[in-house]
Amino acid sequence: MKHELVLGAALMSGLLLPATNAAARDPYASMMAGESALQGKELKKAIEKAAEYPMGSAENPVRAEFPPGQRAYLNRLRCADGKPPAYSRAGNVGDGPYRNIMDVYDVDCGNAAPGKVSIYMDMYHKGHVEGETVPGFTVTER
């Protein structure tokens, strides 16, 4: 009887549903699947609102696909002197405008403009390669 109650409770709470259904309900499950917590019209509206802010800011993070996508974007950046900046991940900074956990990177051009900056990134955008440029930088071709 005890096992039947536990199984019944698990079924009712959705714990035994397929992972795709769990991801649709749970923003963290979506992120672990590489997808934004926001989808469809909701995501499009959030992207439009974020575009009012500078690319790479906390309000408009660079969108990428997982850490390799973040590094690929950062590797394409060029400082005013044409050289790539040094960068390191400073950590995550909590939820961003797309309801995903954001990372912040310390990016350093040394004596070249824009100098030292923080770039916010959201790595939960499966298949997305950012086309916008963080102010002060140029971006090379993919």
C-alpha atoms as a PDB file:
ATOM      1  CA  MET A   1       0.000   0.000   0.000  1.00  0.00           C
ATOM      2  CA  LYS A   2       2.811   2.399   0.890  1.00  0.00           C
ATOM      3  CA  HIS A   3       4.514   1.921  -2.516  1.00  0.00           C
ATOM      4  CA  GLU A   4       1.226   2.467  -4.329  1.00  0.00           C
ATOM      5  CA  LEU A   5       0.763   5.804  -2.539  1.00  0.00           C
ATOM      6  CA  VAL A   6       4.281   6.932  -3.444  1.00  0.00           C
ATOM      7  CA  LEU A   7       3.804   5.880  -7.082  1.00  0.00           C
ATOM      8  CA  GLY A   8       0.429   7.613  -7.216  1.00  0.00           C
ATOM      9  CA  ALA A   9       1.896  10.808  -5.764  1.00  0.00           C
ATOM     10  CA  ALA A  10       4.787  10.690  -8.246  1.00  0.00           C
ATOM     11  CA  LEU A  11       2.404  10.251 -11.171  1.00  0.00           C
ATOM     12  CA  MET A  12       0.162  13.079  -9.983  1.00  0.00           C
ATOM     13  CA  SER A  13       3.097  15.445  -9.469  1.00  0.00           C
ATOM     14  CA  GLY A  14       4.456  14.718 -12.942  1.00  0.00           C
ATOM     15  CA  LEU A  15       7.719  13.181 -11.773  1.00  0.00           C
ATOM     16  CA  LEU A  16       7.315  10.157 -14.016  1.00  0.00           C
ATOM     17  CA  LEU A  17       6.376  12.024 -17.189  1.00  0.00           C
ATOM     18  CA  PRO A  18       8.784  12.045 -20.150  1.00  0.00           C
ATOM     19  CA  ALA A  19      11.698  14.504 -19.916  1.00  0.00           C
ATOM     20  CA  THR A  20      10.319  16.636 -22.758  1.00  0.00           C
ATOM     21  CA  ASN A  21       7.164  17.350 -20.747  1.00  0.00           C
ATOM     22  CA  ALA A  22       9.245  18.130 -17.653  1.00  0.00           C
ATOM     23  CA  ALA A  23      11.358  20.573 -19.668  1.00  0.00           C
ATOM     24  CA  ALA A  24       8.210  22.329 -20.859  1.00  0.00           C
ATOM     25  CA  ARG A  25       7.131  22.914 -17.240  1.00  0.00           C
ATOM     26  CA  ASP A  26      10.469  23.393 -15.498  1.00  0.00           C
ATOM     27  CA  PRO A  27      12.749  26.251 -16.649  1.00  0.00           C
ATOM     28  CA  TYR A  28      15.824  24.537 -15.182  1.00  0.00           C
ATOM     29  CA  ALA A  29      15.063  21.331 -17.077  1.00  0.00           C
ATOM     30  CA  SER A  30      14.774  23.463 -20.237  1.00  0.00           C
ATOM     31  CA  MET A  31      18.164  25.024 -19.555  1.00  0.00           C
ATOM     32  CA  MET A  32      19.763  21.612 -19.023  1.00  0.00           C
ATOM     33  CA  ALA A  33      18.365  20.642 -22.438  1.00  0.00           C
ATOM     34  CA  GLY A  34      20.089  23.724 -23.894  1.00  0.00           C
ATOM     35  CA  GLU A  35      16.867  25.641 -24.397  1.00  0.00           C
ATOM     36  CA  SER A  36      15.728  28.958 -23.032  1.00  0.00           C
ATOM     37  CA  ALA A  37      13.121  28.941 -20.289  1.00  0.00           C
ATOM     38  CA  LEU A  38      11.165  31.337 -22.509  1.00  0.00           C
ATOM     39  CA  GLN A  39      10.003  30.014 -25.861  1.00  0.00           C
ATOM     40  CA  GLY A  40       7.998  31.202 -28.849  1.00  0.00           C
ATOM     41  CA  LYS A  41       6.232  34.559 -28.656  1.00  0.00           C
ATOM     42  CA  GLU A  42       7.363  35.057 -25.063  1.00  0.00           C
ATOM     43  CA  LEU A  43      11.037  34.711 -26.053  1.00  0.00           C
ATOM     44  CA  LYS A  44      10.602  36.930 -29.116  1.00  0.00           C
ATOM     45  CA  LYS A  45       9.042  39.666 -26.968  1.00  0.00           C
ATOM     46  CA  ALA A  46      11.866  39.394 -24.407  1.00  0.00           C
ATOM     47  CA  ILE A  47      14.489  39.643 -27.194  1.00  0.00           C
ATOM     48  CA  GLU A  48      12.800  42.765 -28.580  1.00  0.00           C
ATOM     49  CA  LYS A  49      12.753  44.368 -25.131  1.00  0.00           C
ATOM     50  CA  ALA A  50      16.392  43.401 -24.474  1.00  0.00           C
ATOM     51  CA  ALA A  51      17.434  45.049 -27.768  1.00  0.00           C
ATOM     52  CA  GLU A  52      16.754  48.423 -26.098  1.00  0.00           C
ATOM     53  CA  TYR A  53      19.953  47.853 -24.078  1.00  0.00           C
ATOM     54  CA  PRO A  54      23.587  47.433 -25.155  1.00  0.00           C
ATOM     55  CA  MET A  55      24.582  43.964 -26.334  1.00  0.00           C
ATOM     56  CA  GLY A  56      26.447  42.106 -23.618  1.00  0.00           C
ATOM     57  CA  SER A  57      24.802  44.004 -20.761  1.00  0.00           C
ATOM     58  CA  ALA A  58      22.847  42.278 -17.998  1.00  0.00           C
ATOM     59  CA  GLU A  59      19.655  43.479 -19.692  1.00  0.00           C
ATOM     60  CA  ASN A  60      20.723  42.185 -23.130  1.00  0.00           C
ATOM     61  CA  PRO A  61      23.114  39.252 -22.689  1.00  0.00           C
ATOM     62  CA  VAL A  62      24.898  37.643 -25.614  1.00  0.00           C
ATOM     63  CA  ARG A  63      22.899  34.529 -26.507  1.00  0.00           C
ATOM     64  CA  ALA A  64      24.863  31.357 -27.224  1.00  0.00           C
ATOM     65  CA  GLU A  65      24.690  27.580 -27.165  1.00  0.00           C
ATOM     66  CA  PHE A  66      26.366  26.254 -24.010  1.00  0.00           C
ATOM     67  CA  PRO A  67      29.952  27.123 -22.989  1.00  0.00           C
ATOM     68  CA  PRO A  68      31.426  26.262 -26.426  1.00  0.00           C
ATOM     69  CA  GLY A  69      29.092  28.845 -27.984  1.00  0.00           C
ATOM     70  CA  GLN A  70      30.093  31.448 -25.412  1.00  0.00           C
ATOM     71  CA  ARG A  71      33.789  30.844 -26.080  1.00  0.00           C
ATOM     72  CA  ALA A  72      33.238  30.862 -29.850  1.00  0.00           C
ATOM     73  CA  TYR A  73      31.640  34.311 -29.591  1.00  0.00           C
ATOM     74  CA  LEU A  74      34.366  35.654 -27.300  1.00  0.00           C
ATOM     75  CA  ASN A  75      37.043  34.240 -29.631  1.00  0.00           C
ATOM     76  CA  ARG A  76      35.523  36.239 -32.508  1.00  0.00           C
ATOM     77  CA  LEU A  77      35.768  39.556 -30.622  1.00  0.00           C
ATOM     78  CA  ARG A  78      38.452  42.057 -31.612  1.00  0.00           C
ATOM     79  CA  CYS A  79      39.628  45.088 -29.664  1.00  0.00           C
ATOM     80  CA  ALA A  80      40.222  48.491 -31.295  1.00  0.00           C
ATOM     81  CA  ASP A  81      43.805  47.418 -32.134  1.00  0.00           C
ATOM     82  CA  GLY A  82      42.469  44.380 -34.051  1.00  0.00           C
ATOM     83  CA  LYS A  83      43.731  41.886 -31.476  1.00  0.00           C
ATOM     84  CA  PRO A  84      41.540  39.393 -29.598  1.00  0.00           C
ATOM     85  CA  PRO A  85      40.893  40.238 -25.955  1.00  0.00           C
ATOM     86  CA  ALA A  86      41.847  38.071 -23.007  1.00  0.00           C
ATOM     87  CA  TYR A  87      38.828  36.742 -21.139  1.00  0.00           C
ATOM     88  CA  SER A  88      37.850  34.602 -18.194  1.00  0.00           C
ATOM     89  CA  ARG A  89      34.548  33.467 -16.770  1.00  0.00           C
ATOM     90  CA  ALA A  90      33.817  35.346 -13.554  1.00  0.00           C
ATOM     91  CA  GLY A  91      30.809  33.180 -12.648  1.00  0.00           C
ATOM     92  CA  ASN A  92      27.049  33.116 -12.937  1.00  0.00           C
ATOM     93  CA  VAL A  93      24.964  36.057 -11.854  1.00  0.00           C
ATOM     94  CA  GLY A  94      21.468  34.632 -11.563  1.00  0.00           C
ATOM     95  CA  ASP A  95      18.461  34.936 -13.825  1.00  0.00           C
ATOM     96  CA  GLY A  96      18.529  37.184 -16.867  1.00  0.00           C
ATOM     97  CA  PRO A  97      15.850  38.630 -19.126  1.00  0.00           C
ATOM     98  CA  TYR A  98      15.115  35.220 -20.698  1.00  0.00           C
ATOM     99  CA  ARG A  99      14.662  33.599 -17.239  1.00  0.00           C
ATOM    100  CA  ASN A 100      17.902  31.648 -17.663  1.00  0.00           C
ATOM    101  CA  ILE A 101      20.995  31.727 -15.491  1.00  0.00           C
ATOM    102  CA  MET A 102      23.492  34.205 -16.947  1.00  0.00           C
ATOM    103  CA  ASP A 103      27.279  34.042 -16.895  1.00  0.00           C
ATOM    104  CA  VAL A 104      29.549  37.060 -16.747  1.00  0.00           C
ATOM    105  CA  TYR A 105      32.961  37.166 -18.391  1.00  0.00           C
ATOM    106  CA  ASP A 106      35.775  39.588 -17.597  1.00  0.00           C
ATOM    107  CA  VAL A 107      37.118  40.730 -20.959  1.00  0.00           C
ATOM    108  CA  ASP A 108      40.363  42.690 -21.224  1.00  0.00           C
ATOM    109  CA  CYS A 109      41.824  44.514 -24.237  1.00  0.00           C
ATOM    110  CA  GLY A 110      44.816  45.790 -22.264  1.00  0.00           C
ATOM    111  CA  ASN A 111      45.739  49.292 -23.454  1.00  0.00           C
ATOM    112  CA  ALA A 112      43.386  49.132 -26.447  1.00  0.00           C
ATOM    113  CA  ALA A 113      39.770  50.278 -26.356  1.00  0.00           C
ATOM    114  CA  PRO A 114      37.426  49.339 -24.852  1.00  0.00           C
ATOM    115  CA  GLY A 115      39.820  48.292 -22.054  1.00  0.00           C
ATOM    116  CA  LYS A 116      38.380  46.043 -19.352  1.00  0.00           C
ATOM    117  CA  VAL A 117      34.683  45.224 -19.575  1.00  0.00           C
ATOM    118  CA  SER A 118      32.203  42.681 -18.263  1.00  0.00           C
ATOM    119  CA  ILE A 119      30.146  40.795 -20.842  1.00  0.00           C
ATOM    120  CA  TYR A 120      26.972  39.001 -19.779  1.00  0.00           C
ATOM    121  CA  MET A 121      26.079  35.821 -21.623  1.00  0.00           C
ATOM    122  CA  ASP A 122      23.105  33.455 -21.714  1.00  0.00           C
ATOM    123  CA  MET A 123      24.157  29.992 -22.884  1.00  0.00           C
ATOM    124  CA  TYR A 124      20.705  28.451 -23.127  1.00  0.00           C
ATOM    125  CA  HIS A 125      19.861  29.236 -26.756  1.00  0.00           C
ATOM    126  CA  LYS A 126      20.309  25.986 -28.646  1.00  0.00           C
ATOM    127  CA  GLY A 127      21.517  26.575 -32.205  1.00  0.00           C
ATOM    128  CA  HIS A 128      21.846  30.356 -31.820  1.00  0.00           C
ATOM    129  CA  VAL A 129      25.011  32.133 -32.961  1.00  0.00           C
ATOM    130  CA  GLU A 130      24.973  35.792 -31.879  1.00  0.00           C
ATOM    131  CA  GLY A 131      25.208  38.237 -34.769  1.00  0.00           C
ATOM    132  CA  GLU A 132      25.232  41.437 -32.736  1.00  0.00           C
ATOM    133  CA  THR A 133      28.421  43.055 -31.470  1.00  0.00           C
ATOM    134  CA  VAL A 134      29.218  44.161 -27.939  1.00  0.00           C
ATOM    135  CA  PRO A 135      29.901  47.945 -28.034  1.00  0.00           C
ATOM    136  CA  GLY A 136      33.589  48.798 -28.391  1.00  0.00           C
ATOM    137  CA  PHE A 137      34.465  45.573 -30.221  1.00  0.00           C
ATOM    138  CA  THR A 138      34.304  44.227 -33.721  1.00  0.00           C
ATOM    139  CA  VAL A 139      33.439  40.616 -34.483  1.00  0.00           C
ATOM    140  CA  THR A 140      35.185  38.416 -37.026  1.00  0.00           C
ATOM    141  CA  GLU A 141      33.374  36.036 -39.343  1.00  0.00           C
ATOM    142  CA  ARG A 142      32.429  32.602 -37.985  1.00  0.00           C
END
